[in-house]
């Protein structure tokens, strides 16, 4: 948004692709689809950006406190380039560990997937005003119910075991996304999980185009690509896309009224896929149902 901060902040690079959302929303599938392109690499769930975020915040605060705002453009550009350099270094290490060919081309894009980075959109935009920020969205009850029933390790995502805490965090996530849409309208590109699994070719082509890269048909064969997957969705993402999980909550509808009540008005999420040039196909089944 014009005037959000001084001009010239951050780096013009488009190398990072940031993926945000809520747990069990389809982010791993999205990353795997992107990673199937020869010029894009998925970095897993160990975010390089987040590893440096505390230092980034501190340097910006210190410059602001002493009134040295003229240095901010150069400082943010330097910090942005340092993050990308570490992404490249990590990719080089991973290449050696997987015994890939030494002549593999260096990726043009690095997927940095940390779902809770919806809290940090401001910092991301400050450092990378041209980078893609992809927000993956899934039907609210499918998202929350999937997170609730999933057996996460005790030291990670333990909050999903408590419906009240889970619903509170989901509502906070939605409030935060509304905030960014208000102050940085159009900056975040939304991707519906339901569109991704029902129209993989259409969404995938729009994703690659949004990344500024040429289309490769191999993207549609993402499940055949052998790569380490550091996520709780490992089994699912090594399969072809499937639609069984869409509205799966309805099988337990009579038991989920307490969660529906906790979500309140957030039980619906009407946000559509906003990838440039993407047009959702007509849902034939829904159209036939409406005509009956």
C-alpha atoms as a PDB file:
ATOM      1  CA  UNK A   1       0.000   0.000   0.000  1.00  0.00           C
ATOM      2  CA  UNK A   2       1.409   3.399  -0.956  1.00  0.00           C
ATOM      3  CA  UNK A   3       2.701   5.241   2.068  1.00  0.00           C
ATOM      4  CA  UNK A   4       2.895   2.119   4.263  1.00  0.00           C
ATOM      5  CA  UNK A   5       6.575   3.049   4.778  1.00  0.00           C
ATOM      6  CA  UNK A   6       9.283   5.037   2.908  1.00  0.00           C
ATOM      7  CA  UNK A   7      10.007   4.212  -0.717  1.00  0.00           C
ATOM      8  CA  UNK A   8      12.935   2.017  -1.653  1.00  0.00           C
ATOM      9  CA  UNK A   9      12.622  -0.475   1.181  1.00  0.00           C
ATOM     10  CA  UNK A  10      13.844  -4.049   0.797  1.00  0.00           C
ATOM     11  CA  UNK A  11      15.047  -6.015  -2.199  1.00  0.00           C
ATOM     12  CA  UNK A  12      13.511  -6.248  -5.657  1.00  0.00           C
ATOM     13  CA  UNK A  13      14.222  -9.997  -5.788  1.00  0.00           C
ATOM     14  CA  UNK A  14      11.372 -12.428  -6.397  1.00  0.00           C
ATOM     15  CA  UNK A  15      13.405 -15.422  -5.214  1.00  0.00           C
ATOM     16  CA  UNK A  16      11.396 -16.250  -2.074  1.00  0.00           C
ATOM     17  CA  UNK A  17       7.836 -17.574  -2.283  1.00  0.00           C
ATOM     18  CA  UNK A  18       6.137 -17.349   1.101  1.00  0.00           C
ATOM     19  CA  UNK A  19       3.351 -19.805   1.970  1.00  0.00           C
ATOM     20  CA  UNK A  20       1.064 -18.995   4.905  1.00  0.00           C
ATOM     21  CA  UNK A  21      -2.216 -20.320   6.275  1.00  0.00           C
ATOM     22  CA  UNK A  22      -3.608 -22.450   9.094  1.00  0.00           C
ATOM     23  CA  UNK A  23      -2.596 -25.971  10.099  1.00  0.00           C
ATOM     24  CA  UNK A  24      -4.064 -28.742   7.912  1.00  0.00           C
ATOM     25  CA  UNK A  25      -5.104 -26.291   5.202  1.00  0.00           C
ATOM     26  CA  UNK A  26      -3.270 -27.907   2.269  1.00  0.00           C
ATOM     27  CA  UNK A  27       0.004 -25.983   2.441  1.00  0.00           C
ATOM     28  CA  UNK A  28       2.185 -29.062   1.982  1.00  0.00           C
ATOM     29  CA  UNK A  29       0.361 -30.010  -1.198  1.00  0.00           C
ATOM     30  CA  UNK A  30       0.822 -26.466  -2.483  1.00  0.00           C
ATOM     31  CA  UNK A  31       4.542 -26.562  -1.725  1.00  0.00           C
ATOM     32  CA  UNK A  32       4.964 -29.931  -3.433  1.00  0.00           C
ATOM     33  CA  UNK A  33       3.224 -28.702  -6.571  1.00  0.00           C
ATOM     34  CA  UNK A  34       5.538 -25.697  -6.698  1.00  0.00           C
ATOM     35  CA  UNK A  35       8.583 -27.851  -5.962  1.00  0.00           C
ATOM     36  CA  UNK A  36       7.824 -30.059  -8.989  1.00  0.00           C
ATOM     37  CA  UNK A  37       8.955 -27.178 -11.217  1.00  0.00           C
ATOM     38  CA  UNK A  38      12.659 -27.460 -12.050  1.00  0.00           C
ATOM     39  CA  UNK A  39      13.310 -23.822 -11.085  1.00  0.00           C
ATOM     40  CA  UNK A  40      11.497 -23.928  -7.737  1.00  0.00           C
ATOM     41  CA  UNK A  41      12.636 -25.694  -4.587  1.00  0.00           C
ATOM     42  CA  UNK A  42      10.610 -26.328  -1.451  1.00  0.00           C
ATOM     43  CA  UNK A  43      12.536 -25.636   1.744  1.00  0.00           C
ATOM     44  CA  UNK A  44      10.268 -27.650   4.049  1.00  0.00           C
ATOM     45  CA  UNK A  45       8.971 -26.301   7.338  1.00  0.00           C
ATOM     46  CA  UNK A  46      12.279 -24.948   8.662  1.00  0.00           C
ATOM     47  CA  UNK A  47      11.818 -21.347   7.552  1.00  0.00           C
ATOM     48  CA  UNK A  48      15.010 -19.428   6.787  1.00  0.00           C
ATOM     49  CA  UNK A  49      13.168 -16.127   7.060  1.00  0.00           C
ATOM     50  CA  UNK A  50      11.803 -16.934  10.510  1.00  0.00           C
ATOM     51  CA  UNK A  51      15.209 -18.041  11.686  1.00  0.00           C
ATOM     52  CA  UNK A  52      16.454 -14.504  11.045  1.00  0.00           C
ATOM     53  CA  UNK A  53      13.286 -12.614  11.962  1.00  0.00           C
ATOM     54  CA  UNK A  54      14.290 -11.691  15.500  1.00  0.00           C
ATOM     55  CA  UNK A  55      17.492 -10.075  14.251  1.00  0.00           C
ATOM     56  CA  UNK A  56      15.609  -8.311  11.466  1.00  0.00           C
ATOM     57  CA  UNK A  57      13.142  -6.838  13.944  1.00  0.00           C
ATOM     58  CA  UNK A  58      15.913  -5.721  16.284  1.00  0.00           C
ATOM     59  CA  UNK A  59      17.882  -3.897  13.592  1.00  0.00           C
ATOM     60  CA  UNK A  60      14.774  -2.103  12.307  1.00  0.00           C
ATOM     61  CA  UNK A  61      13.751  -1.068  15.840  1.00  0.00           C
ATOM     62  CA  UNK A  62      17.244   0.215  16.663  1.00  0.00           C
ATOM     63  CA  UNK A  63      17.392   2.297  13.483  1.00  0.00           C
ATOM     64  CA  UNK A  64      13.927   3.710  14.199  1.00  0.00           C
ATOM     65  CA  UNK A  65      14.690   4.572  17.835  1.00  0.00           C
ATOM     66  CA  UNK A  66      17.808   6.569  17.000  1.00  0.00           C
ATOM     67  CA  UNK A  67      16.015   8.304  14.138  1.00  0.00           C
ATOM     68  CA  UNK A  68      18.362   6.902  11.508  1.00  0.00           C
ATOM     69  CA  UNK A  69      15.562   6.191   9.048  1.00  0.00           C
ATOM     70  CA  UNK A  70      17.631   7.120   5.994  1.00  0.00           C
ATOM     71  CA  UNK A  71      19.573   3.890   6.434  1.00  0.00           C
ATOM     72  CA  UNK A  72      16.475   1.715   6.458  1.00  0.00           C
ATOM     73  CA  UNK A  73      16.251   1.144   2.664  1.00  0.00           C
ATOM     74  CA  UNK A  74      19.857  -0.076   2.447  1.00  0.00           C
ATOM     75  CA  UNK A  75      19.532  -2.009   5.687  1.00  0.00           C
ATOM     76  CA  UNK A  76      16.361  -3.847   4.651  1.00  0.00           C
ATOM     77  CA  UNK A  77      17.846  -4.618   1.247  1.00  0.00           C
ATOM     78  CA  UNK A  78      20.932  -6.083   2.884  1.00  0.00           C
ATOM     79  CA  UNK A  79      18.892  -8.201   5.296  1.00  0.00           C
ATOM     80  CA  UNK A  80      16.668  -9.458   2.485  1.00  0.00           C
ATOM     81  CA  UNK A  81      19.672 -10.514   0.431  1.00  0.00           C
ATOM     82  CA  UNK A  82      21.190 -12.285   3.441  1.00  0.00           C
ATOM     83  CA  UNK A  83      18.051 -14.411   3.821  1.00  0.00           C
ATOM     84  CA  UNK A  84      18.113 -15.397   0.144  1.00  0.00           C
ATOM     85  CA  UNK A  85      21.815 -16.227   0.387  1.00  0.00           C
ATOM     86  CA  UNK A  86      21.078 -18.615   3.257  1.00  0.00           C
ATOM     87  CA  UNK A  87      18.266 -20.209   1.236  1.00  0.00           C
ATOM     88  CA  UNK A  88      20.762 -20.871  -1.553  1.00  0.00           C
ATOM     89  CA  UNK A  89      23.297 -22.297   0.895  1.00  0.00           C
ATOM     90  CA  UNK A  90      20.695 -24.637   2.376  1.00  0.00           C
ATOM     91  CA  UNK A  91      19.688 -25.823  -1.094  1.00  0.00           C
ATOM     92  CA  UNK A  92      23.329 -26.577  -1.917  1.00  0.00           C
ATOM     93  CA  UNK A  93      23.662 -28.649   1.271  1.00  0.00           C
ATOM     94  CA  UNK A  94      20.439 -30.529   0.515  1.00  0.00           C
ATOM     95  CA  UNK A  95      21.643 -31.220  -3.011  1.00  0.00           C
ATOM     96  CA  UNK A  96      24.765 -32.915  -1.702  1.00  0.00           C
ATOM     97  CA  UNK A  97      22.842 -34.901   0.905  1.00  0.00           C
ATOM     98  CA  UNK A  98      20.460 -36.274  -1.723  1.00  0.00           C
ATOM     99  CA  UNK A  99      23.289 -37.121  -4.101  1.00  0.00           C
ATOM    100  CA  UNK A 100      21.770 -35.114  -6.904  1.00  0.00           C
ATOM    101  CA  UNK A 101      23.741 -34.245 -10.006  1.00  0.00           C
ATOM    102  CA  UNK A 102      26.282 -31.479  -9.487  1.00  0.00           C
ATOM    103  CA  UNK A 103      25.193 -29.745 -12.673  1.00  0.00           C
ATOM    104  CA  UNK A 104      21.626 -29.180 -11.475  1.00  0.00           C
ATOM    105  CA  UNK A 105      20.708 -25.548 -12.183  1.00  0.00           C
ATOM    106  CA  UNK A 106      20.378 -23.215  -9.226  1.00  0.00           C
ATOM    107  CA  UNK A 107      16.686 -22.602  -8.426  1.00  0.00           C
ATOM    108  CA  UNK A 108      15.113 -19.279  -9.303  1.00  0.00           C
ATOM    109  CA  UNK A 109      12.542 -19.518  -6.485  1.00  0.00           C
ATOM    110  CA  UNK A 110      12.665 -20.847  -2.914  1.00  0.00           C
ATOM    111  CA  UNK A 111       9.446 -21.778  -1.112  1.00  0.00           C
ATOM    112  CA  UNK A 112       9.573 -20.582   2.500  1.00  0.00           C
ATOM    113  CA  UNK A 113       6.626 -22.263   4.217  1.00  0.00           C
ATOM    114  CA  UNK A 114       5.866 -21.143   7.734  1.00  0.00           C
ATOM    115  CA  UNK A 115       2.105 -21.063   8.214  1.00  0.00           C
ATOM    116  CA  UNK A 116       2.111 -18.627  11.133  1.00  0.00           C
ATOM    117  CA  UNK A 117       3.928 -16.033   9.060  1.00  0.00           C
ATOM    118  CA  UNK A 118       0.520 -14.443   8.598  1.00  0.00           C
ATOM    119  CA  UNK A 119       1.599 -12.527  11.696  1.00  0.00           C
ATOM    120  CA  UNK A 120       4.661 -11.238   9.836  1.00  0.00           C
ATOM    121  CA  UNK A 121       3.267 -10.092   6.484  1.00  0.00           C
ATOM    122  CA  UNK A 122       4.395  -6.547   7.237  1.00  0.00           C
ATOM    123  CA  UNK A 123       8.030  -7.588   7.628  1.00  0.00           C
ATOM    124  CA  UNK A 124       7.852  -9.845   4.565  1.00  0.00           C
ATOM    125  CA  UNK A 125       6.440  -7.031   2.454  1.00  0.00           C
ATOM    126  CA  UNK A 126       9.023  -4.581   3.791  1.00  0.00           C
ATOM    127  CA  UNK A 127      11.940  -6.823   2.800  1.00  0.00           C
ATOM    128  CA  UNK A 128      10.413  -8.365  -0.346  1.00  0.00           C
ATOM    129  CA  UNK A 129       7.860  -6.035  -1.965  1.00  0.00           C
ATOM    130  CA  UNK A 130       7.861  -8.118  -5.168  1.00  0.00           C
ATOM    131  CA  UNK A 131       7.908 -11.638  -3.722  1.00  0.00           C
ATOM    132  CA  UNK A 132       4.884 -13.934  -3.895  1.00  0.00           C
ATOM    133  CA  UNK A 133       2.923 -14.388  -0.684  1.00  0.00           C
ATOM    134  CA  UNK A 134       0.562 -17.350  -1.099  1.00  0.00           C
ATOM    135  CA  UNK A 135      -2.229 -17.890   1.414  1.00  0.00           C
ATOM    136  CA  UNK A 136      -3.711 -21.372   1.222  1.00  0.00           C
ATOM    137  CA  UNK A 137      -7.322 -21.569   2.395  1.00  0.00           C
ATOM    138  CA  UNK A 138      -9.470 -24.578   3.204  1.00  0.00           C
ATOM    139  CA  UNK A 139     -13.106 -24.769   4.252  1.00  0.00           C
ATOM    140  CA  UNK A 140     -13.102 -23.732   7.949  1.00  0.00           C
ATOM    141  CA  UNK A 141     -14.721 -26.810   9.483  1.00  0.00           C
ATOM    142  CA  UNK A 142     -12.577 -29.129   7.374  1.00  0.00           C
ATOM    143  CA  UNK A 143      -9.507 -27.208   8.524  1.00  0.00           C
ATOM    144  CA  UNK A 144     -10.333 -27.104  12.215  1.00  0.00           C
ATOM    145  CA  UNK A 145     -11.713 -30.640  12.412  1.00  0.00           C
ATOM    146  CA  UNK A 146      -8.690 -32.029  10.567  1.00  0.00           C
ATOM    147  CA  UNK A 147      -6.348 -30.242  12.977  1.00  0.00           C
ATOM    148  CA  UNK A 148      -8.369 -31.435  15.977  1.00  0.00           C
ATOM    149  CA  UNK A 149      -8.442 -35.123  15.024  1.00  0.00           C
ATOM    150  CA  UNK A 150      -4.831 -35.292  13.836  1.00  0.00           C
ATOM    151  CA  UNK A 151      -2.374 -36.924  16.224  1.00  0.00           C
ATOM    152  CA  UNK A 152       0.404 -34.344  16.339  1.00  0.00           C
ATOM    153  CA  UNK A 153       3.495 -34.957  18.507  1.00  0.00           C
ATOM    154  CA  UNK A 154       3.084 -33.616  22.042  1.00  0.00           C
ATOM    155  CA  UNK A 155       5.773 -30.968  21.561  1.00  0.00           C
ATOM    156  CA  UNK A 156       4.236 -29.504  18.413  1.00  0.00           C
ATOM    157  CA  UNK A 157       0.765 -28.098  17.739  1.00  0.00           C
ATOM    158  CA  UNK A 158      -0.474 -29.394  21.100  1.00  0.00           C
ATOM    159  CA  UNK A 159      -3.105 -26.632  21.077  1.00  0.00           C
ATOM    160  CA  UNK A 160      -5.082 -28.588  18.469  1.00  0.00           C
ATOM    161  CA  UNK A 161      -6.233 -31.008  21.189  1.00  0.00           C
ATOM    162  CA  UNK A 162      -8.311 -28.318  22.897  1.00  0.00           C
ATOM    163  CA  UNK A 163     -11.344 -27.209  20.826  1.00  0.00           C
ATOM    164  CA  UNK A 164     -11.617 -23.866  22.625  1.00  0.00           C
ATOM    165  CA  UNK A 165      -7.976 -22.963  22.130  1.00  0.00           C
ATOM    166  CA  UNK A 166      -8.032 -24.231  18.558  1.00  0.00           C
ATOM    167  CA  UNK A 167     -11.113 -22.169  17.687  1.00  0.00           C
ATOM    168  CA  UNK A 168      -9.652 -19.078  19.369  1.00  0.00           C
ATOM    169  CA  UNK A 169      -6.453 -19.385  17.341  1.00  0.00           C
ATOM    170  CA  UNK A 170      -8.394 -19.954  14.145  1.00  0.00           C
ATOM    171  CA  UNK A 171     -10.502 -16.854  14.759  1.00  0.00           C
ATOM    172  CA  UNK A 172      -7.331 -14.850  15.495  1.00  0.00           C
ATOM    173  CA  UNK A 173      -5.826 -16.096  12.235  1.00  0.00           C
ATOM    174  CA  UNK A 174      -8.908 -14.943  10.326  1.00  0.00           C
ATOM    175  CA  UNK A 175      -8.871 -11.544  12.074  1.00  0.00           C
ATOM    176  CA  UNK A 176      -5.193 -11.137  11.163  1.00  0.00           C
ATOM    177  CA  UNK A 177      -5.811 -11.968   7.513  1.00  0.00           C
ATOM    178  CA  UNK A 178      -8.648  -9.433   7.432  1.00  0.00           C
ATOM    179  CA  UNK A 179      -6.228  -6.833   8.795  1.00  0.00           C
ATOM    180  CA  UNK A 180      -3.692  -7.413   6.032  1.00  0.00           C
ATOM    181  CA  UNK A 181      -6.373  -7.302   3.375  1.00  0.00           C
ATOM    182  CA  UNK A 182      -7.363  -3.898   4.720  1.00  0.00           C
ATOM    183  CA  UNK A 183      -3.893  -2.325   4.973  1.00  0.00           C
ATOM    184  CA  UNK A 184      -2.229  -4.134   2.040  1.00  0.00           C
ATOM    185  CA  UNK A 185      -5.104  -4.923  -0.318  1.00  0.00           C
ATOM    186  CA  UNK A 186      -4.200  -7.385  -3.056  1.00  0.00           C
ATOM    187  CA  UNK A 187      -0.682  -8.000  -1.742  1.00  0.00           C
ATOM    188  CA  UNK A 188      -1.471 -11.591  -0.732  1.00  0.00           C
ATOM    189  CA  UNK A 189      -2.588 -14.131  -3.340  1.00  0.00           C
ATOM    190  CA  UNK A 190      -5.177 -16.570  -2.030  1.00  0.00           C
ATOM    191  CA  UNK A 191      -5.300 -20.217  -3.124  1.00  0.00           C
ATOM    192  CA  UNK A 192      -8.312 -22.347  -2.247  1.00  0.00           C
ATOM    193  CA  UNK A 193      -7.394 -25.920  -1.362  1.00  0.00           C
ATOM    194  CA  UNK A 194     -10.635 -27.058  -2.960  1.00  0.00           C
ATOM    195  CA  UNK A 195      -9.669 -25.405  -6.265  1.00  0.00           C
ATOM    196  CA  UNK A 196      -6.203 -26.942  -6.109  1.00  0.00           C
ATOM    197  CA  UNK A 197      -7.471 -30.517  -5.795  1.00  0.00           C
ATOM    198  CA  UNK A 198     -10.420 -30.136  -8.174  1.00  0.00           C
ATOM    199  CA  UNK A 199      -8.574 -28.148 -10.839  1.00  0.00           C
ATOM    200  CA  UNK A 200      -4.902 -28.996 -10.430  1.00  0.00           C
ATOM    201  CA  UNK A 201      -3.933 -28.053 -14.022  1.00  0.00           C
ATOM    202  CA  UNK A 202      -5.643 -24.662 -13.897  1.00  0.00           C
ATOM    203  CA  UNK A 203      -4.386 -23.640 -10.461  1.00  0.00           C
ATOM    204  CA  UNK A 204      -0.887 -24.992 -11.113  1.00  0.00           C
ATOM    205  CA  UNK A 205      -0.483 -23.062 -14.348  1.00  0.00           C
ATOM    206  CA  UNK A 206      -1.642 -19.872 -12.637  1.00  0.00           C
ATOM    207  CA  UNK A 207       0.784 -20.475  -9.757  1.00  0.00           C
ATOM    208  CA  UNK A 208       3.757 -20.906 -12.071  1.00  0.00           C
ATOM    209  CA  UNK A 209       2.752 -17.861 -14.079  1.00  0.00           C
ATOM    210  CA  UNK A 210       2.433 -15.808 -10.891  1.00  0.00           C
ATOM    211  CA  UNK A 211       5.963 -16.923  -9.996  1.00  0.00           C
ATOM    212  CA  UNK A 212       7.186 -15.457 -13.291  1.00  0.00           C
ATOM    213  CA  UNK A 213       8.323 -18.793 -14.706  1.00  0.00           C
ATOM    214  CA  UNK A 214       7.563 -20.809 -17.830  1.00  0.00           C
ATOM    215  CA  UNK A 215       5.089 -23.667 -17.517  1.00  0.00           C
ATOM    216  CA  UNK A 216       6.387 -27.248 -17.213  1.00  0.00           C
ATOM    217  CA  UNK A 217       3.993 -30.151 -17.576  1.00  0.00           C
ATOM    218  CA  UNK A 218       6.020 -32.116 -15.017  1.00  0.00           C
ATOM    219  CA  UNK A 219       4.415 -29.972 -12.322  1.00  0.00           C
ATOM    220  CA  UNK A 220       1.288 -32.121 -12.641  1.00  0.00           C
ATOM    221  CA  UNK A 221       3.366 -35.197 -11.758  1.00  0.00           C
ATOM    222  CA  UNK A 222       4.502 -33.765  -8.427  1.00  0.00           C
ATOM    223  CA  UNK A 223       3.734 -37.062  -6.672  1.00  0.00           C
ATOM    224  CA  UNK A 224       6.454 -38.827  -8.706  1.00  0.00           C
ATOM    225  CA  UNK A 225       9.169 -36.452  -7.582  1.00  0.00           C
ATOM    226  CA  UNK A 226      11.363 -37.972  -4.891  1.00  0.00           C
ATOM    227  CA  UNK A 227      12.140 -35.454  -2.205  1.00  0.00           C
ATOM    228  CA  UNK A 228      12.314 -35.448   1.553  1.00  0.00           C
ATOM    229  CA  UNK A 229       9.056 -34.141   3.024  1.00  0.00           C
ATOM    230  CA  UNK A 230       9.386 -32.666   6.509  1.00  0.00           C
ATOM    231  CA  UNK A 231       5.727 -32.404   7.445  1.00  0.00           C
ATOM    232  CA  UNK A 232       2.893 -34.193   9.188  1.00  0.00           C
ATOM    233  CA  UNK A 233       1.215 -34.625   5.777  1.00  0.00           C
ATOM    234  CA  UNK A 234       4.012 -36.801   4.355  1.00  0.00           C
ATOM    235  CA  UNK A 235       1.807 -39.724   3.319  1.00  0.00           C
ATOM    236  CA  UNK A 236      -0.860 -37.638   1.614  1.00  0.00           C
ATOM    237  CA  UNK A 237       1.491 -35.487  -0.454  1.00  0.00           C
ATOM    238  CA  UNK A 238       3.196 -38.512  -1.969  1.00  0.00           C
ATOM    239  CA  UNK A 239      -0.125 -39.492  -3.530  1.00  0.00           C
ATOM    240  CA  UNK A 240      -2.071 -38.013  -6.405  1.00  0.00           C
ATOM    241  CA  UNK A 241      -4.503 -35.290  -5.431  1.00  0.00           C
ATOM    242  CA  UNK A 242      -7.769 -36.584  -4.024  1.00  0.00           C
ATOM    243  CA  UNK A 243     -11.043 -34.922  -3.096  1.00  0.00           C
ATOM    244  CA  UNK A 244     -12.128 -37.240  -0.260  1.00  0.00           C
ATOM    245  CA  UNK A 245     -11.159 -34.682   2.369  1.00  0.00           C
ATOM    246  CA  UNK A 246     -13.438 -31.964   0.986  1.00  0.00           C
ATOM    247  CA  UNK A 247     -16.296 -31.428   3.451  1.00  0.00           C
ATOM    248  CA  UNK A 248     -15.241 -34.532   5.349  1.00  0.00           C
ATOM    249  CA  UNK A 249     -16.492 -32.832   8.511  1.00  0.00           C
ATOM    250  CA  UNK A 250     -20.068 -33.525   7.421  1.00  0.00           C
ATOM    251  CA  UNK A 251     -19.640 -37.189   8.335  1.00  0.00           C
ATOM    252  CA  UNK A 252     -19.436 -36.027  11.959  1.00  0.00           C
ATOM    253  CA  UNK A 253     -21.757 -33.050  11.720  1.00  0.00           C
ATOM    254  CA  UNK A 254     -23.925 -34.052  14.688  1.00  0.00           C
ATOM    255  CA  UNK A 255     -20.843 -34.055  16.950  1.00  0.00           C
ATOM    256  CA  UNK A 256     -19.317 -30.800  15.765  1.00  0.00           C
ATOM    257  CA  UNK A 257     -21.922 -28.281  16.875  1.00  0.00           C
ATOM    258  CA  UNK A 258     -19.742 -27.115  19.820  1.00  0.00           C
ATOM    259  CA  UNK A 259     -16.909 -26.293  17.408  1.00  0.00           C
ATOM    260  CA  UNK A 260     -19.336 -24.554  15.037  1.00  0.00           C
ATOM    261  CA  UNK A 261     -20.523 -22.419  17.945  1.00  0.00           C
ATOM    262  CA  UNK A 262     -16.937 -21.545  18.916  1.00  0.00           C
ATOM    263  CA  UNK A 263     -16.110 -20.470  15.361  1.00  0.00           C
ATOM    264  CA  UNK A 264     -19.196 -18.261  15.147  1.00  0.00           C
ATOM    265  CA  UNK A 265     -19.271 -16.215  11.956  1.00  0.00           C
ATOM    266  CA  UNK A 266     -15.881 -17.667  10.992  1.00  0.00           C
ATOM    267  CA  UNK A 267     -17.565 -20.969  10.181  1.00  0.00           C
ATOM    268  CA  UNK A 268     -17.659 -19.705   6.591  1.00  0.00           C
ATOM    269  CA  UNK A 269     -14.801 -18.403   4.446  1.00  0.00           C
ATOM    270  CA  UNK A 270     -15.943 -17.008   1.122  1.00  0.00           C
ATOM    271  CA  UNK A 271     -12.513 -15.856  -0.052  1.00  0.00           C
ATOM    272  CA  UNK A 272     -11.887 -17.099  -3.598  1.00  0.00           C
ATOM    273  CA  UNK A 273      -8.650 -18.008  -5.355  1.00  0.00           C
ATOM    274  CA  UNK A 274      -7.057 -14.748  -6.527  1.00  0.00           C
ATOM    275  CA  UNK A 275      -4.204 -15.974  -8.712  1.00  0.00           C
ATOM    276  CA  UNK A 276      -3.922 -13.644 -11.735  1.00  0.00           C
ATOM    277  CA  UNK A 277      -5.612 -15.128 -14.770  1.00  0.00           C
ATOM    278  CA  UNK A 278      -7.254 -17.989 -12.893  1.00  0.00           C
ATOM    279  CA  UNK A 279     -10.892 -18.693 -13.635  1.00  0.00           C
ATOM    280  CA  UNK A 280     -12.610 -21.393 -11.644  1.00  0.00           C
ATOM    281  CA  UNK A 281     -14.319 -23.969 -13.890  1.00  0.00           C
ATOM    282  CA  UNK A 282     -18.069 -24.331 -13.630  1.00  0.00           C
ATOM    283  CA  UNK A 283     -18.878 -27.005 -11.067  1.00  0.00           C
ATOM    284  CA  UNK A 284     -20.969 -29.346 -13.197  1.00  0.00           C
ATOM    285  CA  UNK A 285     -22.379 -31.297 -10.279  1.00  0.00           C
ATOM    286  CA  UNK A 286     -23.365 -28.145  -8.407  1.00  0.00           C
ATOM    287  CA  UNK A 287     -24.922 -26.688 -11.553  1.00  0.00           C
ATOM    288  CA  UNK A 288     -26.987 -29.825 -12.133  1.00  0.00           C
ATOM    289  CA  UNK A 289     -28.051 -29.801  -8.467  1.00  0.00           C
ATOM    290  CA  UNK A 290     -29.181 -26.176  -8.724  1.00  0.00           C
ATOM    291  CA  UNK A 291     -31.208 -26.966 -11.819  1.00  0.00           C
ATOM    292  CA  UNK A 292     -33.114 -29.783 -10.107  1.00  0.00           C
END
